[in-house]
Protein backbone atom coordinates (compact mmCIF):
# COMPACT_ATOMS: atom_id res chain seq x y z
CA MET A 1 82.32 184.66 47.45
CA HIS A 2 81.60 188.38 47.07
CA LEU A 3 84.03 190.79 45.39
CA TYR A 4 83.70 194.50 46.41
CA LYS A 5 85.29 197.43 44.66
CA THR A 6 86.17 200.35 47.14
CA THR A 7 88.26 203.37 47.08
CA LYS A 8 90.79 201.48 49.10
CA GLY A 9 91.17 198.62 46.70
CA VAL A 10 89.50 195.25 45.84
CA ILE A 11 88.02 193.37 48.86
CA LEU A 12 86.77 189.66 48.83
CA SER A 13 84.42 188.16 51.32
CA HIS A 14 84.51 184.38 51.44
CA GLN A 15 83.52 182.03 54.22
CA GLN A 16 83.02 184.67 56.76
CA LYS A 17 86.48 185.99 56.13
CA ALA A 18 87.51 189.25 54.15
CA PHE A 19 90.73 189.91 52.27
CA LEU A 20 92.20 192.93 50.76
CA LEU A 21 93.58 192.09 47.20
CA GLU A 22 96.31 193.74 45.36
CA GLU A 23 95.14 193.13 41.81
CA GLU A 24 93.67 195.89 39.62
CA TRP A 25 89.90 195.37 39.11
CA ASP A 26 89.84 194.99 35.35
CA ASP A 27 92.73 192.46 35.35
CA LEU A 28 91.28 190.58 38.24
CA ILE A 29 87.85 190.04 37.04
CA ASN A 30 88.65 189.30 33.30
CA GLN A 31 89.95 185.87 33.78
CA ASN A 32 88.77 182.40 33.10
CA ASN A 33 87.66 180.27 36.06
CA LEU A 34 87.59 183.35 38.17
CA PHE A 35 86.40 181.48 41.20
CA GLN A 36 89.35 179.15 41.32
CA LYS A 37 91.78 182.04 40.48
CA ILE A 38 90.48 183.92 43.46
CA LEU A 39 90.78 180.88 45.74
CA LYS A 40 94.50 180.69 44.81
CA LEU A 41 95.04 184.41 45.48
CA ILE A 42 93.83 184.18 49.08
CA ASN A 43 95.50 180.91 49.97
CA GLY A 44 97.67 181.60 52.94
CA LYS A 45 96.73 185.25 52.85
CA GLU A 46 96.02 187.15 56.07
CA SER A 47 92.33 188.14 56.61
CA LEU A 48 91.04 191.60 57.53
CA PRO A 49 89.61 192.26 60.85
CA ASP A 50 85.90 192.27 60.81
CA THR A 51 85.62 195.90 62.02
CA THR A 52 88.00 196.94 59.26
CA PHE A 53 85.94 195.17 56.48
CA LYS A 54 82.79 196.66 57.70
CA GLU A 55 84.15 200.12 57.80
CA LEU A 56 85.60 199.79 54.24
CA ILE A 57 82.28 198.65 52.88
CA ASP A 58 80.29 201.33 54.75
CA THR A 59 82.61 204.33 53.76
CA SER A 60 84.41 203.48 50.58
CA LEU A 61 82.18 201.26 48.41
CA LEU A 62 82.20 201.79 44.60
CA PRO A 63 79.94 200.36 41.86
CA PRO A 64 81.55 196.96 40.85
CA ILE A 65 82.55 198.30 37.44
CA GLY A 66 85.87 199.35 35.84
CA SER A 67 86.31 199.75 32.08
CA GLN A 68 83.26 197.71 31.23
CA GLU A 69 80.28 198.51 29.15
CA VAL A 70 76.74 197.74 30.37
CA TRP A 71 74.18 196.20 28.02
CA ALA A 72 70.66 195.10 28.62
CA ALA A 73 68.19 192.67 27.36
CA GLY A 74 64.52 193.48 26.84
CA VAL A 75 61.19 191.51 26.93
CA THR A 76 62.68 188.45 28.54
CA TYR A 77 59.76 188.02 30.84
CA LEU A 78 56.07 187.92 29.95
CA ARG A 79 55.30 190.78 32.43
CA SER A 80 57.90 192.97 30.48
CA ARG A 81 56.14 192.17 27.20
CA ASP A 82 52.76 192.96 28.48
CA ALA A 83 54.01 196.34 29.98
CA ARG A 84 55.85 197.54 26.85
CA MET A 85 52.87 196.54 24.55
CA GLU A 86 50.65 198.61 26.81
CA GLU A 87 52.81 201.71 26.99
CA ALA A 88 53.29 201.69 23.23
CA LYS A 89 49.84 200.89 21.90
CA GLU A 90 48.66 204.40 21.31
CA ALA A 91 51.56 205.06 19.14
CA GLY A 92 51.05 201.77 17.19
CA GLY A 93 54.14 200.09 18.46
CA GLY A 94 52.47 197.36 20.77
CA ASP A 95 52.82 194.61 18.29
CA PHE A 96 56.54 194.92 18.01
CA TYR A 97 57.05 193.74 21.61
CA GLN A 98 54.89 190.60 20.96
CA LYS A 99 57.12 189.93 17.98
CA VAL A 100 60.31 190.49 20.06
CA TYR A 101 59.13 188.11 22.74
CA GLU A 102 58.33 185.29 20.15
CA ALA A 103 61.43 185.91 18.11
CA GLN A 104 64.42 183.77 17.94
CA ARG A 105 66.72 186.77 18.31
CA PRO A 106 66.57 188.68 21.87
CA GLU A 107 66.31 192.28 22.10
CA LEU A 108 69.77 193.65 23.22
CA PHE A 109 70.69 197.31 23.62
CA PHE A 110 73.45 199.38 24.95
CA LYS A 111 72.80 200.70 28.42
CA ALA A 112 75.75 202.67 29.95
CA LEU A 113 79.40 203.52 29.96
CA PRO A 114 81.04 203.23 33.41
CA HIS A 115 80.90 207.04 34.19
CA ARG A 116 76.93 206.79 33.99
CA VAL A 117 76.85 203.88 36.45
CA VAL A 118 76.17 204.45 40.20
CA GLY A 119 76.50 202.12 43.07
CA HIS A 120 74.91 201.00 46.33
CA LEU A 121 73.51 204.01 48.29
CA GLN A 122 74.03 206.35 45.32
CA ASP A 123 71.54 208.50 43.57
CA VAL A 124 69.96 207.46 40.30
CA TYR A 125 68.19 210.02 38.08
CA ILE A 126 64.85 210.44 36.50
CA ARG A 127 64.55 212.59 33.43
CA LYS A 128 63.02 215.99 33.63
CA ASP A 129 61.41 215.47 30.26
CA SER A 130 59.70 212.20 31.26
CA SER A 131 56.36 212.04 33.12
CA TRP A 132 56.46 208.18 33.70
CA ASN A 133 59.53 206.71 35.32
CA VAL A 134 60.12 203.25 36.90
CA PRO A 135 63.08 201.25 38.08
CA GLU A 136 63.75 197.73 36.60
CA PRO A 137 65.17 195.23 38.99
CA GLU A 138 67.45 192.77 37.01
CA LEU A 139 69.87 190.07 37.49
CA THR A 140 73.14 191.23 35.83
CA LEU A 141 75.83 189.10 34.41
CA TYR A 142 79.54 189.87 34.32
CA ILE A 143 80.81 188.24 31.29
CA ASN A 144 84.67 188.10 30.66
CA SER A 145 86.30 188.91 27.30
CA LYS A 146 85.89 185.38 26.13
CA GLY A 147 82.16 185.45 26.61
CA GLU A 148 82.10 183.41 29.74
CA ILE A 149 79.74 184.20 32.63
CA GLN A 150 82.04 184.69 35.60
CA ALA A 151 79.86 186.60 38.18
CA TYR A 152 76.57 188.27 38.95
CA THR A 153 75.29 191.32 40.47
CA ILE A 154 72.16 193.36 40.80
CA GLY A 155 71.12 195.80 38.19
CA ASN A 156 68.63 198.77 38.25
CA ASP A 157 67.73 199.66 34.64
CA MET A 158 65.94 203.01 35.01
CA SER A 159 63.40 203.52 32.47
CA SER A 160 61.40 206.58 31.04
CA ARG A 161 58.26 204.85 30.10
CA SER A 162 56.53 207.88 28.82
CA ILE A 163 59.35 208.57 26.27
CA GLU A 164 59.59 204.96 25.09
CA GLY A 165 55.85 204.77 24.88
CA GLU A 166 55.73 207.66 22.24
CA ASN A 167 57.74 205.58 19.78
CA PRO A 168 59.77 202.43 20.09
CA LEU A 169 62.51 204.24 18.32
CA TYR A 170 62.94 206.51 21.38
CA LEU A 171 64.31 203.51 23.34
CA PRO A 172 67.94 205.00 23.69
CA GLN A 173 66.55 208.32 25.15
CA ALA A 174 64.27 206.29 27.48
CA LYS A 175 67.20 204.21 28.66
CA VAL A 176 70.53 205.96 28.27
CA TYR A 177 71.23 208.99 30.22
CA ASP A 178 73.48 209.98 33.32
CA ARG A 179 72.95 207.82 36.36
CA SER A 180 70.45 205.81 34.50
CA ALA A 181 72.08 202.44 35.59
CA ALA A 182 73.02 201.25 39.10
CA LEU A 183 75.08 198.10 39.76
CA GLY A 184 75.93 196.51 43.12
CA PRO A 185 76.72 196.11 45.88
CA CYS A 186 79.19 193.57 44.77
CA LEU A 187 80.11 190.71 42.39
CA TYR A 188 78.71 187.28 43.39
CA ILE A 189 81.29 184.77 42.21
CA THR A 190 80.45 181.09 42.02
CA ASP A 191 81.79 178.07 40.41
CA GLN A 192 78.19 177.05 39.25
CA LEU A 193 75.36 178.73 37.21
CA ILE A 194 73.17 180.70 39.28
CA SER A 195 70.06 178.77 40.29
CA LYS A 196 66.75 179.20 38.28
CA GLU A 197 65.04 179.26 41.68
CA THR A 198 66.83 182.57 42.43
CA ASN A 199 64.38 185.28 43.81
CA ILE A 200 64.45 188.99 42.64
CA GLU A 201 62.61 191.40 44.93
CA ILE A 202 61.93 195.13 44.81
CA VAL A 203 60.58 197.45 47.43
CA ILE A 204 59.96 201.13 46.88
CA THR A 205 59.37 203.46 49.66
CA ARG A 206 58.15 207.22 49.74
CA ASN A 207 58.43 209.10 52.92
CA GLU A 208 59.28 205.83 54.70
CA LYS A 209 56.18 204.25 53.56
CA LYS A 210 56.07 201.23 51.17
CA VAL A 211 54.48 202.27 47.81
CA PHE A 212 55.38 199.16 45.68
CA GLU A 213 56.81 195.78 46.10
CA GLY A 214 57.12 192.86 43.90
CA SER A 215 59.06 189.57 43.27
CA VAL A 216 59.82 187.11 40.50
CA GLN A 217 61.93 184.01 40.17
CA LEU A 218 64.55 183.61 37.56
CA ASN A 219 62.77 180.60 36.01
CA LYS A 220 60.12 182.88 34.73
CA MET A 221 62.61 184.37 32.17
CA LYS A 222 61.84 182.98 28.65
CA ARG A 223 65.41 182.98 27.46
CA SER A 224 68.47 181.50 29.06
CA LEU A 225 71.54 183.33 30.41
CA GLN A 226 73.80 181.53 28.00
CA GLU A 227 71.46 182.41 25.04
CA LEU A 228 71.67 186.16 25.82
CA THR A 229 75.32 186.13 26.32
CA GLU A 230 75.95 184.22 23.08
CA TYR A 231 73.86 186.79 21.09
CA LEU A 232 75.74 189.69 22.68
CA PHE A 233 79.14 188.42 21.74
CA ARG A 234 78.36 187.30 18.24
CA GLU A 235 79.80 190.43 16.50
CA SER A 236 81.04 192.42 19.36
CA SER A 237 84.27 192.32 21.49
CA PHE A 238 84.65 193.45 25.01
CA PRO A 239 88.44 193.74 25.90
CA PHE A 240 87.61 194.10 29.58
CA GLY A 241 84.51 192.05 29.62
CA CYS A 242 81.00 193.49 30.08
CA PHE A 243 77.84 193.60 32.07
CA LEU A 244 74.64 192.38 30.77
CA MET A 245 71.31 193.18 32.53
CA THR A 246 68.93 190.33 31.67
CA GLY A 247 65.64 192.01 31.81
CA THR A 248 62.87 192.49 34.26
CA GLY A 249 59.87 190.49 35.44
CA ILE A 250 58.60 193.10 37.82
CA VAL A 251 56.84 196.25 36.57
CA PRO A 252 54.83 198.59 38.66
CA PRO A 253 51.25 199.40 37.69
CA ASP A 254 50.59 201.83 34.88
CA HIS A 255 49.45 204.56 37.36
CA PHE A 256 52.79 204.53 39.22
CA THR A 257 55.69 206.82 38.51
CA LEU A 258 58.71 207.42 40.59
CA GLN A 259 59.15 210.67 42.51
CA GLU A 260 62.15 212.44 43.86
CA GLN A 261 63.44 211.13 47.16
CA ASP A 262 61.89 207.70 46.63
CA GLU A 263 64.16 204.83 47.69
CA VAL A 264 64.45 201.70 45.68
CA SER A 265 65.81 198.52 47.13
CA ILE A 266 66.49 195.52 44.93
CA SER A 267 67.28 192.16 46.50
CA ILE A 268 68.66 189.00 44.94
CA ASN A 269 69.32 185.66 46.79
CA ASN A 270 73.03 185.17 47.46
CA ILE A 271 74.14 188.62 46.05
CA GLY A 272 72.62 191.14 48.51
CA THR A 273 70.63 194.35 48.32
CA LEU A 274 71.18 197.50 46.02
CA THR A 275 69.60 200.52 47.31
CA ASN A 276 69.27 203.84 45.48
CA LYS A 277 67.51 207.16 46.05
CA ILE A 278 65.63 208.93 43.14
CA THR A 279 66.55 212.40 42.30
CA MET A 280 66.78 214.73 39.21
CA ARG A 281 69.84 216.49 37.91
């Protein structure tokens, strides 16, 4: 099932039917056994006409986030390790990423508060003080306040590689700024863990021409989703739950950087497609 946040309320799409739910977003998603709870909510409930559902999604869609923080994991794929080592080698920081990839403890970092997050078809920013910028397509977990994975969405973890490459300690500036994170278009809610065969794809277009594309399967991730979740919740509490971007296995070549008006589309099996245009403040 798919849960959408809109200006008109929360909409559920399930088995080719759509339902407008009365519950508040934060209260609804921060539950145990979310899949079963939602099934009970729609039992006997009248569904929306198809035209109404489509109009609401097309005109009033919001990012699927309320009061939650967004966190991110780094160096969870071999490709990410290689890219980070390459960008930091001149500053002498390359070896750090090899150690992180092999370490027992994962790299976890704060990414965004809700006001810095955008949704499907909204603009993401590249920094004016960065000369090398890339999107990072990532499976993103929604984890409730008890540390249980309840849903999945698509994340775009925008990254300023020129800033991070100067010094690994500049990571917050490379990662955390206005409109540096996109989530959407919905929450995918299932009563099973997402398949390791899940495919993540990205396409970047410029002037309506494809300039980069790539794909990776979730089974290429070195760490498990449960492992990342457990480390995040070890000493931190999240009253409304939180989102966790799980790292990227797709990195454009070193000569590539985003330009204004580029369009980034990220697709993940069973979730959908998240599309954002690139701009500067």
